[in-house]
């Protein structure tokens, strides 16, 4: 019987050690996640949605710039401006 008690004690200690290691692993993962999130916040990164909005704004600005450049070229060359400019409507 004495041998069985020692094995039970050893199993209990081993089980406690495993539980401790699992808890330690979870705690380290949480700390690593928190540290990574802090770094990301400091980098001041934009979300995908914010990026897409700015990209669309830039595309519209490029198109407007091309339209205005064509208008200036037409005016400098004394040629009639593009038809949408005559009617006062923009694309």
PDB file of N, CA and C in Angstrom:
ATOM      1  N   UNK A   1       0.799  -1.189   0.000  1.00  0.00           N
ATOM      2  CA  UNK A   1       0.000   0.000   0.000  1.00  0.00           C
ATOM      3  C   UNK A   1       0.846   1.258   0.000  1.00  0.00           C
ATOM      4  N   UNK A   2       1.971   1.165   0.657  1.00  0.00           N
ATOM      5  CA  UNK A   2       2.824   2.336   0.758  1.00  0.00           C
ATOM      6  C   UNK A   2       3.312   2.784  -0.614  1.00  0.00           C
ATOM      7  N   UNK A   3       3.634   1.861  -1.484  1.00  0.00           N
ATOM      8  CA  UNK A   3       4.093   2.172  -2.831  1.00  0.00           C
ATOM      9  C   UNK A   3       2.995   2.861  -3.634  1.00  0.00           C
ATOM     10  N   UNK A   4       1.789   2.446  -3.390  1.00  0.00           N
ATOM     11  CA  UNK A   4       0.665   3.053  -4.107  1.00  0.00           C
ATOM     12  C   UNK A   4       0.484   4.506  -3.663  1.00  0.00           C
ATOM     13  N   UNK A   5       0.658   4.805  -2.433  1.00  0.00           N
ATOM     14  CA  UNK A   5       0.524   6.166  -1.922  1.00  0.00           C
ATOM     15  C   UNK A   5       1.599   7.055  -2.517  1.00  0.00           C
ATOM     16  N   UNK A   6       2.798   6.536  -2.630  1.00  0.00           N
ATOM     17  CA  UNK A   6       3.884   7.318  -3.230  1.00  0.00           C
ATOM     18  C   UNK A   6       3.593   7.600  -4.697  1.00  0.00           C
ATOM     19  N   UNK A   7       3.040   6.601  -5.419  1.00  0.00           N
ATOM     20  CA  UNK A   7       2.701   6.805  -6.827  1.00  0.00           C
ATOM     21  C   UNK A   7       1.571   7.820  -6.958  1.00  0.00           C
ATOM     22  N   UNK A   8       0.606   7.738  -6.064  1.00  0.00           N
ATOM     23  CA  UNK A   8      -0.484   8.715  -6.093  1.00  0.00           C
ATOM     24  C   UNK A   8       0.046  10.114  -5.824  1.00  0.00           C
ATOM     25  N   UNK A   9       0.963  10.223  -4.863  1.00  0.00           N
ATOM     26  CA  UNK A   9       1.562  11.528  -4.563  1.00  0.00           C
ATOM     27  C   UNK A   9       2.355  12.052  -5.762  1.00  0.00           C
ATOM     28  N   UNK A  10       3.130  11.171  -6.379  1.00  0.00           N
ATOM     29  CA  UNK A  10       3.929  11.576  -7.543  1.00  0.00           C
ATOM     30  C   UNK A  10       3.017  12.004  -8.691  1.00  0.00           C
ATOM     31  N   UNK A  11       1.926  11.273  -8.908  1.00  0.00           N
ATOM     32  CA  UNK A  11       0.983  11.620  -9.957  1.00  0.00           C
ATOM     33  C   UNK A  11       0.331  12.974  -9.660  1.00  0.00           C
ATOM     34  N   UNK A  12       0.024  13.205  -8.405  1.00  0.00           N
ATOM     35  CA  UNK A  12      -0.562  14.481  -8.016  1.00  0.00           C
ATOM     36  C   UNK A  12       0.399  15.634  -8.253  1.00  0.00           C
ATOM     37  N   UNK A  13       1.674  15.430  -7.916  1.00  0.00           N
ATOM     38  CA  UNK A  13       2.684  16.465  -8.141  1.00  0.00           C
ATOM     39  C   UNK A  13       2.865  16.700  -9.633  1.00  0.00           C
ATOM     40  N   UNK A  14       2.912  15.622 -10.415  1.00  0.00           N
ATOM     41  CA  UNK A  14       3.069  15.758 -11.861  1.00  0.00           C
ATOM     42  C   UNK A  14       1.859  16.483 -12.457  1.00  0.00           C
ATOM     43  N   UNK A  15       0.665  16.139 -12.003  1.00  0.00           N
ATOM     44  CA  UNK A  15      -0.537  16.806 -12.492  1.00  0.00           C
ATOM     45  C   UNK A  15      -0.522  18.282 -12.134  1.00  0.00           C
ATOM     46  N   UNK A  16      -0.065  18.601 -10.940  1.00  0.00           N
ATOM     47  CA  UNK A  16       0.035  20.000 -10.533  1.00  0.00           C
ATOM     48  C   UNK A  16       1.058  20.746 -11.373  1.00  0.00           C
ATOM     49  N   UNK A  17       2.158  20.080 -11.691  1.00  0.00           N
ATOM     50  CA  UNK A  17       3.196  20.712 -12.514  1.00  0.00           C
ATOM     51  C   UNK A  17       2.669  20.986 -13.920  1.00  0.00           C
ATOM     52  N   UNK A  18       1.917  20.036 -14.471  1.00  0.00           N
ATOM     53  CA  UNK A  18       1.340  20.222 -15.801  1.00  0.00           C
ATOM     54  C   UNK A  18       0.363  21.391 -15.778  1.00  0.00           C
ATOM     55  N   UNK A  19      -0.481  21.457 -14.755  1.00  0.00           N
ATOM     56  CA  UNK A  19      -1.429  22.561 -14.637  1.00  0.00           C
ATOM     57  C   UNK A  19      -0.698  23.889 -14.527  1.00  0.00           C
ATOM     58  N   UNK A  20       0.370  23.905 -13.763  1.00  0.00           N
ATOM     59  CA  UNK A  20       1.165  25.123 -13.611  1.00  0.00           C
ATOM     60  C   UNK A  20       1.766  25.547 -14.950  1.00  0.00           C
ATOM     61  N   UNK A  21       2.301  24.582 -15.696  1.00  0.00           N
ATOM     62  CA  UNK A  21       2.900  24.896 -16.989  1.00  0.00           C
ATOM     63  C   UNK A  21       1.852  25.389 -17.991  1.00  0.00           C
ATOM     64  N   UNK A  22       0.675  24.800 -17.981  1.00  0.00           N
ATOM     65  CA  UNK A  22      -0.391  25.244 -18.874  1.00  0.00           C
ATOM     66  C   UNK A  22      -0.791  26.671 -18.522  1.00  0.00           C
ATOM     67  N   UNK A  23      -0.939  26.938 -17.234  1.00  0.00           N
ATOM     68  CA  UNK A  23      -1.284  28.288 -16.797  1.00  0.00           C
ATOM     69  C   UNK A  23      -0.200  29.284 -17.156  1.00  0.00           C
ATOM     70  N   UNK A  24       1.050  28.884 -16.976  1.00  0.00           N
ATOM     71  CA  UNK A  24       2.178  29.748 -17.315  1.00  0.00           C
ATOM     72  C   UNK A  24       2.198  30.036 -18.815  1.00  0.00           C
ATOM     73  N   UNK A  25       1.928  29.033 -19.618  1.00  0.00           N
ATOM     74  CA  UNK A  25       1.888  29.220 -21.074  1.00  0.00           C
ATOM     75  C   UNK A  25       0.801  30.218 -21.458  1.00  0.00           C
ATOM     76  N   UNK A  26      -0.385  30.058 -20.876  1.00  0.00           N
ATOM     77  CA  UNK A  26      -1.481  30.989 -21.182  1.00  0.00           C
ATOM     78  C   UNK A  26      -1.124  32.411 -20.762  1.00  0.00           C
ATOM     79  N   UNK A  27      -0.507  32.540 -19.608  1.00  0.00           N
ATOM     80  CA  UNK A  27      -0.122  33.868 -19.127  1.00  0.00           C
ATOM     81  C   UNK A  27       0.915  34.507 -20.058  1.00  0.00           C
ATOM     82  N   UNK A  28       1.883  33.724 -20.516  1.00  0.00           N
ATOM     83  CA  UNK A  28       2.909  34.254 -21.418  1.00  0.00           C
ATOM     84  C   UNK A  28       2.299  34.633 -22.765  1.00  0.00           C
ATOM     85  N   UNK A  29       1.345  33.828 -23.256  1.00  0.00           N
ATOM     86  CA  UNK A  29       0.671  34.172 -24.512  1.00  0.00           C
ATOM     87  C   UNK A  29      -0.100  35.479 -24.372  1.00  0.00           C
ATOM     88  N   UNK A  30      -0.774  35.662 -23.237  1.00  0.00           N
ATOM     89  CA  UNK A  30      -1.529  36.890 -23.009  1.00  0.00           C
ATOM     90  C   UNK A  30      -0.587  38.088 -22.930  1.00  0.00           C
ATOM     91  N   UNK A  31       0.553  37.917 -22.280  1.00  0.00           N
ATOM     92  CA  UNK A  31       1.522  39.011 -22.181  1.00  0.00           C
ATOM     93  C   UNK A  31       2.099  39.341 -23.555  1.00  0.00           C
ATOM     94  N   UNK A  32       2.398  38.326 -24.352  1.00  0.00           N
ATOM     95  CA  UNK A  32       2.937  38.560 -25.689  1.00  0.00           C
ATOM     96  C   UNK A  32       1.902  39.258 -26.564  1.00  0.00           C
ATOM     97  N   UNK A  33       0.653  38.842 -26.459  1.00  0.00           N
ATOM     98  CA  UNK A  33      -0.416  39.465 -27.237  1.00  0.00           C
ATOM     99  C   UNK A  33      -0.578  40.936 -26.837  1.00  0.00           C
ATOM    100  N   UNK A  34      -0.550  41.204 -25.551  1.00  0.00           N
ATOM    101  CA  UNK A  34      -0.683  42.580 -25.069  1.00  0.00           C
ATOM    102  C   UNK A  34       0.493  43.440 -25.549  1.00  0.00           C
ATOM    103  N   UNK A  35       1.684  42.876 -25.519  1.00  0.00           N
ATOM    104  CA  UNK A  35       2.863  43.622 -25.978  1.00  0.00           C
ATOM    105  C   UNK A  35       2.768  43.911 -27.474  1.00  0.00           C
ATOM    106  N   UNK A  36       2.323  42.931 -28.254  1.00  0.00           N
ATOM    107  CA  UNK A  36       2.186  43.133 -29.703  1.00  0.00           C
ATOM    108  C   UNK A  36       1.127  44.196 -29.994  1.00  0.00           C
ATOM    109  N   UNK A  37       0.020  44.156 -29.275  1.00  0.00           N
ATOM    110  CA  UNK A  37      -1.027  45.160 -29.480  1.00  0.00           C
ATOM    111  C   UNK A  37      -0.524  46.555 -29.120  1.00  0.00           C
ATOM    112  N   UNK A  38       0.293  46.657 -28.077  1.00  0.00           N
ATOM    113  CA  UNK A  38       0.853  47.956 -27.688  1.00  0.00           C
ATOM    114  C   UNK A  38       1.775  48.488 -28.785  1.00  0.00           C
ATOM    115  N   UNK A  39       2.580  47.620 -29.371  1.00  0.00           N
ATOM    116  CA  UNK A  39       3.475  48.036 -30.452  1.00  0.00           C
ATOM    117  C   UNK A  39       2.655  48.515 -31.649  1.00  0.00           C
ATOM    118  N   UNK A  40       1.616  47.794 -31.983  1.00  0.00           N
ATOM    119  CA  UNK A  40       0.772  48.173 -33.118  1.00  0.00           C
ATOM    120  C   UNK A  40       0.124  49.528 -32.868  1.00  0.00           C
ATOM    121  N   UNK A  41      -0.354  49.755 -31.639  1.00  0.00           N
ATOM    122  CA  UNK A  41      -0.957  51.062 -31.331  1.00  0.00           C
ATOM    123  C   UNK A  41       0.069  52.183 -31.449  1.00  0.00           C
ATOM    124  N   UNK A  42       1.305  51.932 -31.015  1.00  0.00           N
ATOM    125  CA  UNK A  42       2.347  52.959 -31.115  1.00  0.00           C
ATOM    126  C   UNK A  42       2.721  53.244 -32.560  1.00  0.00           C
ATOM    127  N   UNK A  43       2.623  52.253 -33.427  1.00  0.00           N
ATOM    128  CA  UNK A  43       2.955  52.444 -34.836  1.00  0.00           C
ATOM    129  C   UNK A  43       1.895  53.268 -35.545  1.00  0.00           C
ATOM    130  N   UNK A  44       0.745  53.422 -34.917  1.00  0.00           N
ATOM    131  CA  UNK A  44      -0.345  54.230 -35.468  1.00  0.00           C
ATOM    132  C   UNK A  44      -0.729  53.739 -36.862  1.00  0.00           C
ATOM    133  N   UNK A  45      -0.935  52.448 -36.982  1.00  0.00           N
ATOM    134  CA  UNK A  45      -1.317  51.843 -38.257  1.00  0.00           C
ATOM    135  C   UNK A  45      -2.782  52.125 -38.552  1.00  0.00           C
ATOM    136  N   UNK A  46      -3.121  52.143 -39.816  1.00  0.00           N
ATOM    137  CA  UNK A  46      -4.508  52.371 -40.214  1.00  0.00           C
ATOM    138  C   UNK A  46      -5.200  51.041 -40.438  1.00  0.00           C
ATOM    139  N   UNK A  47      -6.510  51.072 -40.322  1.00  0.00           N
ATOM    140  CA  UNK A  47      -7.277  49.864 -40.607  1.00  0.00           C
ATOM    141  C   UNK A  47      -7.414  49.694 -42.113  1.00  0.00           C
ATOM    142  N   UNK A  48      -7.815  48.528 -42.525  1.00  0.00           N
ATOM    143  CA  UNK A  48      -8.019  48.250 -43.946  1.00  0.00           C
ATOM    144  C   UNK A  48      -9.104  49.174 -44.518  1.00  0.00           C
ATOM    145  N   UNK A  49     -10.157  49.394 -43.725  1.00  0.00           N
ATOM    146  CA  UNK A  49     -11.253  50.256 -44.176  1.00  0.00           C
ATOM    147  C   UNK A  49     -10.759  51.686 -44.386  1.00  0.00           C
ATOM    148  N   UNK A  50      -9.954  52.194 -43.445  1.00  0.00           N
ATOM    149  CA  UNK A  50      -9.417  53.547 -43.588  1.00  0.00           C
ATOM    150  C   UNK A  50      -8.527  53.644 -44.827  1.00  0.00           C
ATOM    151  N   UNK A  51      -7.720  52.624 -45.057  1.00  0.00           N
ATOM    152  CA  UNK A  51      -6.846  52.599 -46.223  1.00  0.00           C
ATOM    153  C   UNK A  51      -7.663  52.653 -47.512  1.00  0.00           C
ATOM    154  N   UNK A  52      -8.730  51.857 -47.582  1.00  0.00           N
ATOM    155  CA  UNK A  52      -9.555  51.816 -48.784  1.00  0.00           C
ATOM    156  C   UNK A  52     -10.218  53.167 -49.046  1.00  0.00           C
ATOM    157  N   UNK A  53     -10.666  53.850 -48.001  1.00  0.00           N
ATOM    158  CA  UNK A  53     -11.286  55.164 -48.165  1.00  0.00           C
ATOM    159  C   UNK A  53     -10.273  56.149 -48.739  1.00  0.00           C
ATOM    160  N   UNK A  54      -9.071  56.163 -48.186  1.00  0.00           N
ATOM    161  CA  UNK A  54      -8.044  57.096 -48.658  1.00  0.00           C
ATOM    162  C   UNK A  54      -7.616  56.748 -50.081  1.00  0.00           C
ATOM    163  N   UNK A  55      -7.535  55.460 -50.385  1.00  0.00           N
ATOM    164  CA  UNK A  55      -7.166  55.044 -51.744  1.00  0.00           C
ATOM    165  C   UNK A  55      -8.209  55.520 -52.754  1.00  0.00           C
ATOM    166  N   UNK A  56      -9.476  55.402 -52.401  1.00  0.00           N
ATOM    167  CA  UNK A  56     -10.536  55.871 -53.296  1.00  0.00           C
ATOM    168  C   UNK A  56     -10.475  57.386 -53.472  1.00  0.00           C
ATOM    169  N   UNK A  57     -10.199  58.105 -52.398  1.00  0.00           N
ATOM    170  CA  UNK A  57     -10.062  59.563 -52.491  1.00  0.00           C
ATOM    171  C   UNK A  57      -8.901  59.933 -53.410  1.00  0.00           C
ATOM    172  N   UNK A  58      -7.799  59.222 -53.297  1.00  0.00           N
ATOM    173  CA  UNK A  58      -6.633  59.497 -54.142  1.00  0.00           C
ATOM    174  C   UNK A  58      -6.957  59.224 -55.610  1.00  0.00           C
ATOM    175  N   UNK A  59      -7.692  58.151 -55.877  1.00  0.00           N
ATOM    176  CA  UNK A  59      -8.081  57.828 -57.253  1.00  0.00           C
ATOM    177  C   UNK A  59      -8.946  58.938 -57.838  1.00  0.00           C
ATOM    178  N   UNK A  60      -9.909  59.416 -57.053  1.00  0.00           N
ATOM    179  CA  UNK A  60     -10.766  60.513 -57.544  1.00  0.00           C
ATOM    180  C   UNK A  60      -9.952  61.784 -57.764  1.00  0.00           C
ATOM    181  N   UNK A  61      -8.985  62.039 -56.877  1.00  0.00           N
ATOM    182  CA  UNK A  61      -8.144  63.230 -57.038  1.00  0.00           C
ATOM    183  C   UNK A  61      -7.305  63.126 -58.313  1.00  0.00           C
ATOM    184  N   UNK A  62      -6.774  61.934 -58.601  1.00  0.00           N
ATOM    185  CA  UNK A  62      -6.006  61.742 -59.840  1.00  0.00           C
ATOM    186  C   UNK A  62      -6.882  61.983 -61.061  1.00  0.00           C
ATOM    187  N   UNK A  63      -8.088  61.449 -61.032  1.00  0.00           N
ATOM    188  CA  UNK A  63      -8.996  61.639 -62.167  1.00  0.00           C
ATOM    189  C   UNK A  63      -9.336  63.117 -62.340  1.00  0.00           C
ATOM    190  N   UNK A  64      -9.589  63.813 -61.248  1.00  0.00           N
ATOM    191  CA  UNK A  64      -9.881  65.243 -61.321  1.00  0.00           C
ATOM    192  C   UNK A  64      -8.675  66.005 -61.860  1.00  0.00           C
ATOM    193  N   UNK A  65      -7.479  65.629 -61.415  1.00  0.00           N
ATOM    194  CA  UNK A  65      -6.260  66.280 -61.887  1.00  0.00           C
ATOM    195  C   UNK A  65      -6.094  66.087 -63.394  1.00  0.00           C
ATOM    196  N   UNK A  66      -6.344  64.883 -63.882  1.00  0.00           N
ATOM    197  CA  UNK A  66      -6.244  64.626 -65.316  1.00  0.00           C
ATOM    198  C   UNK A  66      -7.274  65.452 -66.088  1.00  0.00           C
ATOM    199  N   UNK A  67      -8.493  65.538 -65.549  1.00  0.00           N
ATOM    200  CA  UNK A  67      -9.542  66.319 -66.205  1.00  0.00           C
ATOM    201  C   UNK A  67      -9.159  67.794 -66.255  1.00  0.00           C
ATOM    202  N   UNK A  68      -8.641  68.319 -65.150  1.00  0.00           N
ATOM    203  CA  UNK A  68      -8.243  69.725 -65.121  1.00  0.00           C
ATOM    204  C   UNK A  68      -7.026  69.992 -66.010  1.00  0.00           C
ATOM    205  N   UNK A  69      -6.097  69.037 -66.058  1.00  0.00           N
ATOM    206  CA  UNK A  69      -4.930  69.204 -66.927  1.00  0.00           C
ATOM    207  C   UNK A  69      -5.368  69.262 -68.388  1.00  0.00           C
ATOM    208  N   UNK A  70      -6.332  68.439 -68.759  1.00  0.00           N
ATOM    209  CA  UNK A  70      -6.842  68.471 -70.138  1.00  0.00           C
ATOM    210  C   UNK A  70      -7.535  69.798 -70.412  1.00  0.00           C
ATOM    211  N   UNK A  71      -8.254  70.313 -69.445  1.00  0.00           N
ATOM    212  CA  UNK A  71      -8.939  71.601 -69.615  1.00  0.00           C
ATOM    213  C   UNK A  71      -7.937  72.738 -69.789  1.00  0.00           C
ATOM    214  N   UNK A  72      -6.887  72.735 -68.945  1.00  0.00           N
ATOM    215  CA  UNK A  72      -5.855  73.773 -69.051  1.00  0.00           C
ATOM    216  C   UNK A  72      -5.176  73.687 -70.417  1.00  0.00           C
ATOM    217  N   UNK A  73      -4.841  72.483 -70.837  1.00  0.00           N
ATOM    218  CA  UNK A  73      -4.198  72.314 -72.136  1.00  0.00           C
ATOM    219  C   UNK A  73      -5.101  72.840 -73.243  1.00  0.00           C
ATOM    220  N   UNK A  74      -6.388  72.561 -73.130  1.00  0.00           N
ATOM    221  CA  UNK A  74      -7.323  73.045 -74.154  1.00  0.00           C
ATOM    222  C   UNK A  74      -7.407  74.560 -74.125  1.00  0.00           C
ATOM    223  N   UNK A  75      -7.446  75.148 -72.958  1.00  0.00           N
ATOM    224  CA  UNK A  75      -7.538  76.610 -72.848  1.00  0.00           C
ATOM    225  C   UNK A  75      -6.261  77.291 -73.327  1.00  0.00           C
ATOM    226  N   UNK A  76      -5.122  76.712 -73.009  1.00  0.00           N
ATOM    227  CA  UNK A  76      -3.855  77.301 -73.452  1.00  0.00           C
ATOM    228  C   UNK A  76      -3.687  77.196 -74.959  1.00  0.00           C
ATOM    229  N   UNK A  77      -4.211  76.159 -75.514  1.00  0.00           N
ATOM    230  CA  UNK A  77      -4.107  75.973 -76.961  1.00  0.00           C
ATOM    231  C   UNK A  77      -5.244  76.646 -77.694  1.00  0.00           C
ATOM    232  N   UNK A  78      -6.085  77.360 -76.992  1.00  0.00           N
ATOM    233  CA  UNK A  78      -7.250  78.040 -77.561  1.00  0.00           C
ATOM    234  C   UNK A  78      -8.176  77.077 -78.278  1.00  0.00           C
ATOM    235  N   UNK A  79      -8.127  75.848 -77.855  1.00  0.00           N
ATOM    236  CA  UNK A  79      -9.057  74.859 -78.399  1.00  0.00           C
ATOM    237  C   UNK A  79     -10.253  74.797 -77.453  1.00  0.00           C
ATOM    238  N   UNK A  80     -11.375  74.377 -77.955  1.00  0.00           N
ATOM    239  CA  UNK A  80     -12.531  74.289 -77.065  1.00  0.00           C
ATOM    240  C   UNK A  80     -12.267  73.269 -75.954  1.00  0.00           C
ATOM    241  N   UNK A  81     -12.724  73.568 -74.739  1.00  0.00           N
ATOM    242  CA  UNK A  81     -12.535  72.610 -73.654  1.00  0.00           C
ATOM    243  C   UNK A  81     -13.364  71.360 -73.904  1.00  0.00           C
ATOM    244  N   UNK A  82     -13.072  70.292 -73.193  1.00  0.00           N
ATOM    245  CA  UNK A  82     -13.859  69.061 -73.372  1.00  0.00           C
ATOM    246  C   UNK A  82     -15.346  69.341 -73.182  1.00  0.00           C
ATOM    247  N   UNK A  83     -16.182  68.565 -73.820  1.00  0.00           N
ATOM    248  CA  UNK A  83     -17.629  68.791 -73.849  1.00  0.00           C
ATOM    249  C   UNK A  83     -18.229  68.891 -72.460  1.00  0.00           C
ATOM    250  N   UNK A  84     -17.804  68.071 -71.497  1.00  0.00           N
ATOM    251  CA  UNK A  84     -18.393  68.131 -70.164  1.00  0.00           C
ATOM    252  C   UNK A  84     -18.105  69.467 -69.487  1.00  0.00           C
ATOM    253  N   UNK A  85     -17.020  70.146 -69.868  1.00  0.00           N
ATOM    254  CA  UNK A  85     -16.714  71.460 -69.306  1.00  0.00           C
ATOM    255  C   UNK A  85     -17.621  72.517 -69.897  1.00  0.00           C
ATOM    256  N   UNK A  86     -17.977  72.389 -71.151  1.00  0.00           N
ATOM    257  CA  UNK A  86     -18.850  73.357 -71.803  1.00  0.00           C
ATOM    258  C   UNK A  86     -20.227  73.322 -71.154  1.00  0.00           C
ATOM    259  N   UNK A  87     -20.704  72.109 -70.872  1.00  0.00           N
ATOM    260  CA  UNK A  87     -22.021  71.954 -70.282  1.00  0.00           C
ATOM    261  C   UNK A  87     -22.009  72.175 -68.781  1.00  0.00           C
ATOM    262  N   UNK A  88     -20.825  72.262 -68.195  1.00  0.00           N
ATOM    263  CA  UNK A  88     -20.728  72.491 -66.767  1.00  0.00           C
ATOM    264  C   UNK A  88     -20.952  71.270 -65.913  1.00  0.00           C
ATOM    265  N   UNK A  89     -20.844  70.102 -66.509  1.00  0.00           N
ATOM    266  CA  UNK A  89     -21.002  68.882 -65.730  1.00  0.00           C
ATOM    267  C   UNK A  89     -19.661  68.179 -65.631  1.00  0.00           C
ATOM    268  N   UNK A  90     -19.401  67.659 -64.489  1.00  0.00           N
ATOM    269  CA  UNK A  90     -18.156  66.913 -64.294  1.00  0.00           C
ATOM    270  C   UNK A  90     -18.462  65.427 -64.356  1.00  0.00           C
ATOM    271  N   UNK A  91     -17.495  64.641 -64.743  1.00  0.00           N
ATOM    272  CA  UNK A  91     -17.717  63.193 -64.819  1.00  0.00           C
ATOM    273  C   UNK A  91     -17.941  62.604 -63.450  1.00  0.00           C
TER     274      UNK A  91
END
